[in-house]
Amino acid sequence: MLAFMRHLILSIALVMVASAAQAACYADYKAKRDNPLTLHYGVAEIRGACDPDNAQAQLQPKLAADGWTLLQVVSVFGQDGLDQRKANAGQFFLRY
């Protein structure tokens, strides 16, 4: 019984750590809109794997729905990178 309890506690702890790590993923990106040409820099929260490919897969359809074309995922980062990017992202900070 004691071994089962240890295993259960360890499993719960691992799930909590994995969930916390996944919840804090963000990407900064560049996008454009044509006619007239408009560019923007933004920051978005990313779900799942915290990597540029996943960020791109999530951002492309969200941006396209508003007429934007994703040009580049600049980087992916955690909670600690939000404050330094907030001013530059302006109205596109966590919009998508």
PDB file of N, CA and C in Angstrom:
ATOM      1  N   MET A   1       0.823  -1.199   0.000  1.00  0.00           N
ATOM      2  CA  MET A   1       0.000   0.000   0.000  1.00  0.00           C
ATOM      3  C   MET A   1       0.863   1.258   0.000  1.00  0.00           C
ATOM      4  N   LEU A   2       1.942   1.242   0.775  1.00  0.00           N
ATOM      5  CA  LEU A   2       2.829   2.395   0.842  1.00  0.00           C
ATOM      6  C   LEU A   2       3.483   2.659  -0.525  1.00  0.00           C
ATOM      7  N   ALA A   3       3.876   1.596  -1.217  1.00  0.00           N
ATOM      8  CA  ALA A   3       4.481   1.742  -2.541  1.00  0.00           C
ATOM      9  C   ALA A   3       3.470   2.330  -3.524  1.00  0.00           C
ATOM     10  N   PHE A   4       2.230   1.906  -3.418  1.00  0.00           N
ATOM     11  CA  PHE A   4       1.177   2.442  -4.284  1.00  0.00           C
ATOM     12  C   PHE A   4       0.979   3.931  -4.026  1.00  0.00           C
ATOM     13  N   MET A   5       0.960   4.335  -2.778  1.00  0.00           N
ATOM     14  CA  MET A   5       0.770   5.737  -2.422  1.00  0.00           C
ATOM     15  C   MET A   5       1.938   6.588  -2.949  1.00  0.00           C
ATOM     16  N   ARG A   6       3.152   6.090  -2.818  1.00  0.00           N
ATOM     17  CA  ARG A   6       4.309   6.819  -3.340  1.00  0.00           C
ATOM     18  C   ARG A   6       4.201   6.989  -4.850  1.00  0.00           C
ATOM     19  N   HIS A   7       3.819   5.914  -5.515  1.00  0.00           N
ATOM     20  CA  HIS A   7       3.671   5.960  -6.968  1.00  0.00           C
ATOM     21  C   HIS A   7       2.575   6.962  -7.362  1.00  0.00           C
ATOM     22  N   LEU A   8       1.474   6.955  -6.656  1.00  0.00           N
ATOM     23  CA  LEU A   8       0.370   7.859  -6.935  1.00  0.00           C
ATOM     24  C   LEU A   8       0.790   9.314  -6.728  1.00  0.00           C
ATOM     25  N   ILE A   9       1.458   9.599  -5.641  1.00  0.00           N
ATOM     26  CA  ILE A   9       1.907  10.961  -5.353  1.00  0.00           C
ATOM     27  C   ILE A   9       2.908  11.427  -6.409  1.00  0.00           C
ATOM     28  N   LEU A  10       3.833  10.562  -6.784  1.00  0.00           N
ATOM     29  CA  LEU A  10       4.815  10.904  -7.809  1.00  0.00           C
ATOM     30  C   LEU A  10       4.136  11.175  -9.152  1.00  0.00           C
ATOM     31  N   SER A  11       3.171  10.357  -9.502  1.00  0.00           N
ATOM     32  CA  SER A  11       2.447  10.542 -10.762  1.00  0.00           C
ATOM     33  C   SER A  11       1.700  11.870 -10.781  1.00  0.00           C
ATOM     34  N   ILE A  12       1.043  12.187  -9.687  1.00  0.00           N
ATOM     35  CA  ILE A  12       0.311  13.452  -9.592  1.00  0.00           C
ATOM     36  C   ILE A  12       1.275  14.629  -9.695  1.00  0.00           C
ATOM     37  N   ALA A  13       2.399  14.539  -9.031  1.00  0.00           N
ATOM     38  CA  ALA A  13       3.399  15.611  -9.072  1.00  0.00           C
ATOM     39  C   ALA A  13       3.926  15.812 -10.497  1.00  0.00           C
ATOM     40  N   LEU A  14       4.189  14.729 -11.213  1.00  0.00           N
ATOM     41  CA  LEU A  14       4.679  14.831 -12.586  1.00  0.00           C
ATOM     42  C   LEU A  14       3.645  15.470 -13.507  1.00  0.00           C
ATOM     43  N   VAL A  15       2.393  15.110 -13.338  1.00  0.00           N
ATOM     44  CA  VAL A  15       1.324  15.700 -14.146  1.00  0.00           C
ATOM     45  C   VAL A  15       1.213  17.194 -13.860  1.00  0.00           C
ATOM     46  N   MET A  16       1.323  17.582 -12.601  1.00  0.00           N
ATOM     47  CA  MET A  16       1.239  18.999 -12.246  1.00  0.00           C
ATOM     48  C   MET A  16       2.399  19.787 -12.836  1.00  0.00           C
ATOM     49  N   VAL A  17       3.598  19.229 -12.784  1.00  0.00           N
ATOM     50  CA  VAL A  17       4.771  19.906 -13.348  1.00  0.00           C
ATOM     51  C   VAL A  17       4.624  20.036 -14.862  1.00  0.00           C
ATOM     52  N   ALA A  18       4.193  18.984 -15.517  1.00  0.00           N
ATOM     53  CA  ALA A  18       4.014  19.018 -16.972  1.00  0.00           C
ATOM     54  C   ALA A  18       2.940  20.031 -17.363  1.00  0.00           C
ATOM     55  N   SER A  19       1.857  20.096 -16.616  1.00  0.00           N
ATOM     56  CA  SER A  19       0.791  21.051 -16.911  1.00  0.00           C
ATOM     57  C   SER A  19       1.269  22.482 -16.725  1.00  0.00           C
ATOM     58  N   ALA A  20       2.015  22.724 -15.679  1.00  0.00           N
ATOM     59  CA  ALA A  20       2.527  24.075 -15.430  1.00  0.00           C
ATOM     60  C   ALA A  20       3.492  24.495 -16.531  1.00  0.00           C
ATOM     61  N   ALA A  21       4.321  23.583 -16.981  1.00  0.00           N
ATOM     62  CA  ALA A  21       5.288  23.903 -18.032  1.00  0.00           C
ATOM     63  C   ALA A  21       4.573  24.205 -19.343  1.00  0.00           C
ATOM     64  N   GLN A  22       3.528  23.469 -19.655  1.00  0.00           N
ATOM     65  CA  GLN A  22       2.805  23.683 -20.899  1.00  0.00           C
ATOM     66  C   GLN A  22       1.977  24.955 -20.865  1.00  0.00           C
ATOM     67  N   ALA A  23       1.495  25.354 -19.709  1.00  0.00           N
ATOM     68  CA  ALA A  23       0.618  26.511 -19.612  1.00  0.00           C
ATOM     69  C   ALA A  23       1.355  27.817 -19.869  1.00  0.00           C
ATOM     70  N   ALA A  24       2.648  27.846 -19.700  1.00  0.00           N
ATOM     71  CA  ALA A  24       3.397  29.095 -19.812  1.00  0.00           C
ATOM     72  C   ALA A  24       4.266  29.108 -21.066  1.00  0.00           C
ATOM     73  N   CYS A  25       3.634  29.065 -22.220  1.00  0.00           N
ATOM     74  CA  CYS A  25       4.382  29.133 -23.474  1.00  0.00           C
ATOM     75  C   CYS A  25       3.798  30.244 -24.333  1.00  0.00           C
ATOM     76  N   TYR A  26       4.681  31.078 -24.836  1.00  0.00           N
ATOM     77  CA  TYR A  26       4.284  32.205 -25.660  1.00  0.00           C
ATOM     78  C   TYR A  26       5.188  32.283 -26.879  1.00  0.00           C
ATOM     79  N   ALA A  27       4.690  32.919 -27.917  1.00  0.00           N
ATOM     80  CA  ALA A  27       5.486  33.134 -29.125  1.00  0.00           C
ATOM     81  C   ALA A  27       5.354  34.590 -29.532  1.00  0.00           C
ATOM     82  N   ASP A  28       6.448  35.167 -29.984  1.00  0.00           N
ATOM     83  CA  ASP A  28       6.338  36.464 -30.631  1.00  0.00           C
ATOM     84  C   ASP A  28       6.502  36.234 -32.126  1.00  0.00           C
ATOM     85  N   TYR A  29       5.799  37.035 -32.904  1.00  0.00           N
ATOM     86  CA  TYR A  29       5.696  36.787 -34.335  1.00  0.00           C
ATOM     87  C   TYR A  29       5.574  38.100 -35.094  1.00  0.00           C
ATOM     88  N   LYS A  30       5.739  38.002 -36.416  1.00  0.00           N
ATOM     89  CA  LYS A  30       5.526  39.119 -37.328  1.00  0.00           C
ATOM     90  C   LYS A  30       4.474  38.688 -38.348  1.00  0.00           C
ATOM     91  N   ALA A  31       3.574  39.617 -38.681  1.00  0.00           N
ATOM     92  CA  ALA A  31       2.509  39.319 -39.637  1.00  0.00           C
ATOM     93  C   ALA A  31       2.289  40.530 -40.540  1.00  0.00           C
ATOM     94  N   LYS A  32       1.623  40.273 -41.680  1.00  0.00           N
ATOM     95  CA  LYS A  32       1.321  41.359 -42.613  1.00  0.00           C
ATOM     96  C   LYS A  32      -0.092  41.228 -43.146  1.00  0.00           C
ATOM     97  N   ARG A  33      -0.572  42.334 -43.661  1.00  0.00           N
ATOM     98  CA  ARG A  33      -1.852  42.395 -44.358  1.00  0.00           C
ATOM     99  C   ARG A  33      -1.601  43.233 -45.610  1.00  0.00           C
ATOM    100  N   ASP A  34      -2.135  42.821 -46.758  1.00  0.00           N
ATOM    101  CA  ASP A  34      -1.934  43.534 -48.020  1.00  0.00           C
ATOM    102  C   ASP A  34      -3.068  44.509 -48.302  1.00  0.00           C
ATOM    103  N   ASN A  35      -2.788  45.457 -49.203  1.00  0.00           N
ATOM    104  CA  ASN A  35      -3.764  46.419 -49.745  1.00  0.00           C
ATOM    105  C   ASN A  35      -4.508  47.224 -48.699  1.00  0.00           C
ATOM    106  N   PRO A  36      -3.935  48.155 -48.050  1.00  0.00           N
ATOM    107  CA  PRO A  36      -2.538  48.569 -48.128  1.00  0.00           C
ATOM    108  C   PRO A  36      -1.672  47.692 -47.235  1.00  0.00           C
ATOM    109  N   LEU A  37      -0.388  47.672 -47.543  1.00  0.00           N
ATOM    110  CA  LEU A  37       0.539  46.861 -46.757  1.00  0.00           C
ATOM    111  C   LEU A  37       0.567  47.368 -45.312  1.00  0.00           C
ATOM    112  N   THR A  38       0.281  46.461 -44.384  1.00  0.00           N
ATOM    113  CA  THR A  38       0.315  46.763 -42.956  1.00  0.00           C
ATOM    114  C   THR A  38       1.079  45.636 -42.279  1.00  0.00           C
ATOM    115  N   LEU A  39       1.982  45.990 -41.404  1.00  0.00           N
ATOM    116  CA  LEU A  39       2.775  45.000 -40.665  1.00  0.00           C
ATOM    117  C   LEU A  39       2.464  45.097 -39.183  1.00  0.00           C
ATOM    118  N   HIS A  40       2.565  43.980 -38.499  1.00  0.00           N
ATOM    119  CA  HIS A  40       2.472  44.049 -37.046  1.00  0.00           C
ATOM    120  C   HIS A  40       3.337  42.985 -36.388  1.00  0.00           C
ATOM    121  N   TYR A  41       3.730  43.311 -35.167  1.00  0.00           N
ATOM    122  CA  TYR A  41       4.484  42.421 -34.289  1.00  0.00           C
ATOM    123  C   TYR A  41       3.539  42.088 -33.151  1.00  0.00           C
ATOM    124  N   GLY A  42       3.477  40.798 -32.782  1.00  0.00           N
ATOM    125  CA  GLY A  42       2.574  40.413 -31.706  1.00  0.00           C
ATOM    126  C   GLY A  42       3.143  39.318 -30.839  1.00  0.00           C
ATOM    127  N   VAL A  43       2.446  39.087 -29.750  1.00  0.00           N
ATOM    128  CA  VAL A  43       2.773  38.024 -28.797  1.00  0.00           C
ATOM    129  C   VAL A  43       1.499  37.228 -28.572  1.00  0.00           C
ATOM    130  N   ALA A  44       1.610  35.901 -28.621  1.00  0.00           N
ATOM    131  CA  ALA A  44       0.443  35.036 -28.444  1.00  0.00           C
ATOM    132  C   ALA A  44       0.780  33.880 -27.519  1.00  0.00           C
ATOM    133  N   GLU A  45      -0.227  33.416 -26.794  1.00  0.00           N
ATOM    134  CA  GLU A  45      -0.053  32.229 -25.954  1.00  0.00           C
ATOM    135  C   GLU A  45      -0.182  30.998 -26.845  1.00  0.00           C
ATOM    136  N   ILE A  46       0.680  30.026 -26.605  1.00  0.00           N
ATOM    137  CA  ILE A  46       0.705  28.792 -27.387  1.00  0.00           C
ATOM    138  C   ILE A  46       0.358  27.620 -26.477  1.00  0.00           C
ATOM    139  N   ARG A  47      -0.507  26.776 -26.947  1.00  0.00           N
ATOM    140  CA  ARG A  47      -0.910  25.569 -26.193  1.00  0.00           C
ATOM    141  C   ARG A  47      -0.115  24.372 -26.711  1.00  0.00           C
ATOM    142  N   GLY A  48       0.167  23.434 -25.833  1.00  0.00           N
ATOM    143  CA  GLY A  48       0.872  22.220 -26.248  1.00  0.00           C
ATOM    144  C   GLY A  48       2.371  22.428 -26.299  1.00  0.00           C
ATOM    145  N   ALA A  49       2.996  21.795 -27.263  1.00  0.00           N
ATOM    146  CA  ALA A  49       4.460  21.849 -27.380  1.00  0.00           C
ATOM    147  C   ALA A  49       4.934  23.288 -27.559  1.00  0.00           C
ATOM    148  N   CYS A  50       5.933  23.654 -26.800  1.00  0.00           N
ATOM    149  CA  CYS A  50       6.467  25.018 -26.842  1.00  0.00           C
ATOM    150  C   CYS A  50       7.621  25.068 -27.840  1.00  0.00           C
ATOM    151  N   ASP A  51       7.269  25.035 -29.121  1.00  0.00           N
ATOM    152  CA  ASP A  51       8.290  25.087 -30.168  1.00  0.00           C
ATOM    153  C   ASP A  51       7.761  25.907 -31.349  1.00  0.00           C
ATOM    154  N   PRO A  52       8.653  26.406 -32.179  1.00  0.00           N
ATOM    155  CA  PRO A  52       8.236  27.269 -33.295  1.00  0.00           C
ATOM    156  C   PRO A  52       7.263  26.614 -34.272  1.00  0.00           C
ATOM    157  N   ASP A  53       7.416  25.328 -34.534  1.00  0.00           N
ATOM    158  CA  ASP A  53       6.508  24.650 -35.471  1.00  0.00           C
ATOM    159  C   ASP A  53       5.078  24.638 -34.947  1.00  0.00           C
ATOM    160  N   ASN A  54       4.915  24.341 -33.670  1.00  0.00           N
ATOM    161  CA  ASN A  54       3.588  24.339 -33.067  1.00  0.00           C
ATOM    162  C   ASN A  54       3.024  25.754 -33.023  1.00  0.00           C
ATOM    163  N   ALA A  55       3.861  26.720 -32.701  1.00  0.00           N
ATOM    164  CA  ALA A  55       3.416  28.117 -32.680  1.00  0.00           C
ATOM    165  C   ALA A  55       2.917  28.528 -34.063  1.00  0.00           C
ATOM    166  N   GLN A  56       3.655  28.175 -35.088  1.00  0.00           N
ATOM    167  CA  GLN A  56       3.258  28.508 -36.457  1.00  0.00           C
ATOM    168  C   GLN A  56       1.929  27.851 -36.812  1.00  0.00           C
ATOM    169  N   ALA A  57       1.783  26.576 -36.466  1.00  0.00           N
ATOM    170  CA  ALA A  57       0.547  25.850 -36.774  1.00  0.00           C
ATOM    171  C   ALA A  57      -0.664  26.476 -36.085  1.00  0.00           C
ATOM    172  N   GLN A  58      -0.476  27.011 -34.894  1.00  0.00           N
ATOM    173  CA  GLN A  58      -1.590  27.632 -34.179  1.00  0.00           C
ATOM    174  C   GLN A  58      -1.868  29.057 -34.647  1.00  0.00           C
ATOM    175  N   LEU A  59      -0.804  29.795 -34.947  1.00  0.00           N
ATOM    176  CA  LEU A  59      -0.976  31.201 -35.308  1.00  0.00           C
ATOM    177  C   LEU A  59      -1.512  31.412 -36.717  1.00  0.00           C
ATOM    178  N   GLN A  60      -1.078  30.611 -37.687  1.00  0.00           N
ATOM    179  CA  GLN A  60      -1.500  30.824 -39.076  1.00  0.00           C
ATOM    180  C   GLN A  60      -3.019  30.913 -39.233  1.00  0.00           C
ATOM    181  N   PRO A  61      -3.795  29.939 -38.746  1.00  0.00           N
ATOM    182  CA  PRO A  61      -5.248  30.047 -38.956  1.00  0.00           C
ATOM    183  C   PRO A  61      -5.893  31.182 -38.159  1.00  0.00           C
ATOM    184  N   LYS A  62      -5.387  31.468 -36.968  1.00  0.00           N
ATOM    185  CA  LYS A  62      -5.960  32.557 -36.170  1.00  0.00           C
ATOM    186  C   LYS A  62      -5.750  33.902 -36.856  1.00  0.00           C
ATOM    187  N   LEU A  63      -4.541  34.113 -37.340  1.00  0.00           N
ATOM    188  CA  LEU A  63      -4.241  35.369 -38.032  1.00  0.00           C
ATOM    189  C   LEU A  63      -5.000  35.461 -39.354  1.00  0.00           C
ATOM    190  N   ALA A  64      -5.043  34.361 -40.096  1.00  0.00           N
ATOM    191  CA  ALA A  64      -5.727  34.345 -41.392  1.00  0.00           C
ATOM    192  C   ALA A  64      -7.212  34.686 -41.251  1.00  0.00           C
ATOM    193  N   ALA A  65      -7.815  34.275 -40.165  1.00  0.00           N
ATOM    194  CA  ALA A  65      -9.233  34.566 -39.940  1.00  0.00           C
ATOM    195  C   ALA A  65      -9.492  36.070 -39.878  1.00  0.00           C
ATOM    196  N   ASP A  66      -8.482  36.857 -39.520  1.00  0.00           N
ATOM    197  CA  ASP A  66      -8.605  38.315 -39.483  1.00  0.00           C
ATOM    198  C   ASP A  66      -7.894  38.994 -40.662  1.00  0.00           C
ATOM    199  N   GLY A  67      -7.524  38.209 -41.680  1.00  0.00           N
ATOM    200  CA  GLY A  67      -6.917  38.771 -42.869  1.00  0.00           C
ATOM    201  C   GLY A  67      -5.413  38.992 -42.803  1.00  0.00           C
ATOM    202  N   TRP A  68      -4.755  38.424 -41.789  1.00  0.00           N
ATOM    203  CA  TRP A  68      -3.308  38.571 -41.634  1.00  0.00           C
ATOM    204  C   TRP A  68      -2.595  37.336 -42.166  1.00  0.00           C
ATOM    205  N   THR A  69      -1.366  37.526 -42.645  1.00  0.00           N
ATOM    206  CA  THR A  69      -0.500  36.437 -43.071  1.00  0.00           C
ATOM    207  C   THR A  69       0.679  36.378 -42.116  1.00  0.00           C
ATOM    208  N   LEU A  70       0.907  35.228 -41.528  1.00  0.00           N
ATOM    209  CA  LEU A  70       2.051  35.048 -40.639  1.00  0.00           C
ATOM    210  C   LEU A  70       3.323  35.083 -41.466  1.00  0.00           C
ATOM    211  N   LEU A  71       4.234  35.961 -41.106  1.00  0.00           N
ATOM    212  CA  LEU A  71       5.514  36.049 -41.800  1.00  0.00           C
ATOM    213  C   LEU A  71       6.581  35.224 -41.106  1.00  0.00           C
ATOM    214  N   GLN A  72       6.604  35.283 -39.777  1.00  0.00           N
ATOM    215  CA  GLN A  72       7.684  34.623 -39.033  1.00  0.00           C
ATOM    216  C   GLN A  72       7.303  34.464 -37.569  1.00  0.00           C
ATOM    217  N   VAL A  73       7.604  33.292 -37.024  1.00  0.00           N
ATOM    218  CA  VAL A  73       7.605  33.122 -35.572  1.00  0.00           C
ATOM    219  C   VAL A  73       9.007  33.504 -35.136  1.00  0.00           C
ATOM    220  N   VAL A  74       9.128  34.579 -34.393  1.00  0.00           N
ATOM    221  CA  VAL A  74      10.435  35.092 -33.995  1.00  0.00           C
ATOM    222  C   VAL A  74      11.065  34.189 -32.956  1.00  0.00           C
ATOM    223  N   SER A  75      10.289  33.846 -31.914  1.00  0.00           N
ATOM    224  CA  SER A  75      10.799  32.969 -30.857  1.00  0.00           C
ATOM    225  C   SER A  75       9.648  32.444 -30.021  1.00  0.00           C
ATOM    226  N   VAL A  76       9.930  31.421 -29.252  1.00  0.00           N
ATOM    227  CA  VAL A  76       9.003  30.928 -28.234  1.00  0.00           C
ATOM    228  C   VAL A  76       9.697  31.092 -26.890  1.00  0.00           C
ATOM    229  N   PHE A  77       8.914  31.372 -25.859  1.00  0.00           N
ATOM    230  CA  PHE A  77       9.493  31.683 -24.564  1.00  0.00           C
ATOM    231  C   PHE A  77       8.464  31.450 -23.463  1.00  0.00           C
ATOM    232  N   GLY A  78       8.895  31.536 -22.234  1.00  0.00           N
ATOM    233  CA  GLY A  78       8.027  31.337 -21.077  1.00  0.00           C
ATOM    234  C   GLY A  78       7.511  32.645 -20.504  1.00  0.00           C
ATOM    235  N   GLN A  79       6.841  32.532 -19.399  1.00  0.00           N
ATOM    236  CA  GLN A  79       6.237  33.664 -18.697  1.00  0.00           C
ATOM    237  C   GLN A  79       7.231  34.797 -18.456  1.00  0.00           C
ATOM    238  N   ASP A  80       8.476  34.446 -18.211  1.00  0.00           N
ATOM    239  CA  ASP A  80       9.484  35.451 -17.880  1.00  0.00           C
ATOM    240  C   ASP A  80       9.811  36.389 -19.040  1.00  0.00           C
ATOM    241  N   GLY A  81       9.411  36.069 -20.249  1.00  0.00           N
ATOM    242  CA  GLY A  81       9.696  36.934 -21.385  1.00  0.00           C
ATOM    243  C   GLY A  81       8.565  37.864 -21.766  1.00  0.00           C
ATOM    244  N   LEU A  82       7.445  37.794 -21.060  1.00  0.00           N
ATOM    245  CA  LEU A  82       6.278  38.596 -21.446  1.00  0.00           C
ATOM    246  C   LEU A  82       6.479  40.096 -21.253  1.00  0.00           C
ATOM    247  N   ASP A  83       6.937  40.501 -20.088  1.00  0.00           N
ATOM    248  CA  ASP A  83       7.029  41.927 -19.778  1.00  0.00           C
ATOM    249  C   ASP A  83       7.895  42.695 -20.766  1.00  0.00           C
ATOM    250  N   GLN A  84       9.007  42.101 -21.164  1.00  0.00           N
ATOM    251  CA  GLN A  84       9.914  42.820 -22.056  1.00  0.00           C
ATOM    252  C   GLN A  84       9.366  42.969 -23.466  1.00  0.00           C
ATOM    253  N   ARG A  85       8.335  42.217 -23.834  1.00  0.00           N
ATOM    254  CA  ARG A  85       7.767  42.285 -25.179  1.00  0.00           C
ATOM    255  C   ARG A  85       6.438  43.034 -25.237  1.00  0.00           C
ATOM    256  N   LYS A  86       5.857  43.309 -24.093  1.00  0.00           N
ATOM    257  CA  LYS A  86       4.510  43.883 -24.040  1.00  0.00           C
ATOM    258  C   LYS A  86       4.406  45.223 -24.760  1.00  0.00           C
ATOM    259  N   ALA A  87       5.309  46.130 -24.509  1.00  0.00           N
ATOM    260  CA  ALA A  87       5.238  47.459 -25.121  1.00  0.00           C
ATOM    261  C   ALA A  87       5.366  47.387 -26.636  1.00  0.00           C
ATOM    262  N   ASN A  88       6.258  46.557 -27.135  1.00  0.00           N
ATOM    263  CA  ASN A  88       6.458  46.442 -28.587  1.00  0.00           C
ATOM    264  C   ASN A  88       5.257  45.813 -29.285  1.00  0.00           C
ATOM    265  N   ALA A  89       4.561  44.911 -28.607  1.00  0.00           N
ATOM    266  CA  ALA A  89       3.415  44.237 -29.216  1.00  0.00           C
ATOM    267  C   ALA A  89       2.169  45.121 -29.226  1.00  0.00           C
ATOM    268  N   GLY A  90       2.094  46.070 -28.328  1.00  0.00           N
ATOM    269  CA  GLY A  90       0.955  46.989 -28.292  1.00  0.00           C
ATOM    270  C   GLY A  90      -0.381  46.284 -28.307  1.00  0.00           C
ATOM    271  N   GLN A  91      -1.246  46.645 -29.253  1.00  0.00           N
ATOM    272  CA  GLN A  91      -2.588  46.065 -29.322  1.00  0.00           C
ATOM    273  C   GLN A  91      -2.591  44.578 -29.702  1.00  0.00           C
ATOM    274  N   PHE A  92      -1.452  44.062 -30.156  1.00  0.00           N
ATOM    275  CA  PHE A  92      -1.352  42.654 -30.530  1.00  0.00           C
ATOM    276  C   PHE A  92      -0.710  41.806 -29.438  1.00  0.00           C
ATOM    277  N   PHE A  93      -0.649  42.326 -28.221  1.00  0.00           N
ATOM    278  CA  PHE A  93      -0.138  41.573 -27.074  1.00  0.00           C
ATOM    279  C   PHE A  93      -1.240  40.642 -26.588  1.00  0.00           C
ATOM    280  N   LEU A  94      -1.017  39.345 -26.753  1.00  0.00           N
ATOM    281  CA  LEU A  94      -1.950  38.282 -26.361  1.00  0.00           C
ATOM    282  C   LEU A  94      -3.313  38.401 -27.015  1.00  0.00           C
ATOM    283  N   ARG A  95      -3.367  39.016 -28.198  1.00  0.00           N
ATOM    284  CA  ARG A  95      -4.629  39.143 -28.946  1.00  0.00           C
ATOM    285  C   ARG A  95      -5.003  37.823 -29.614  1.00  0.00           C
ATOM    286  N   TYR A  96      -4.018  37.098 -30.110  1.00  0.00           N
ATOM    287  CA  TYR A  96      -4.286  35.842 -30.816  1.00  0.00           C
ATOM    288  C   TYR A  96      -3.789  34.663 -30.027  1.00  0.00           C
TER     289      TYR A  96
END
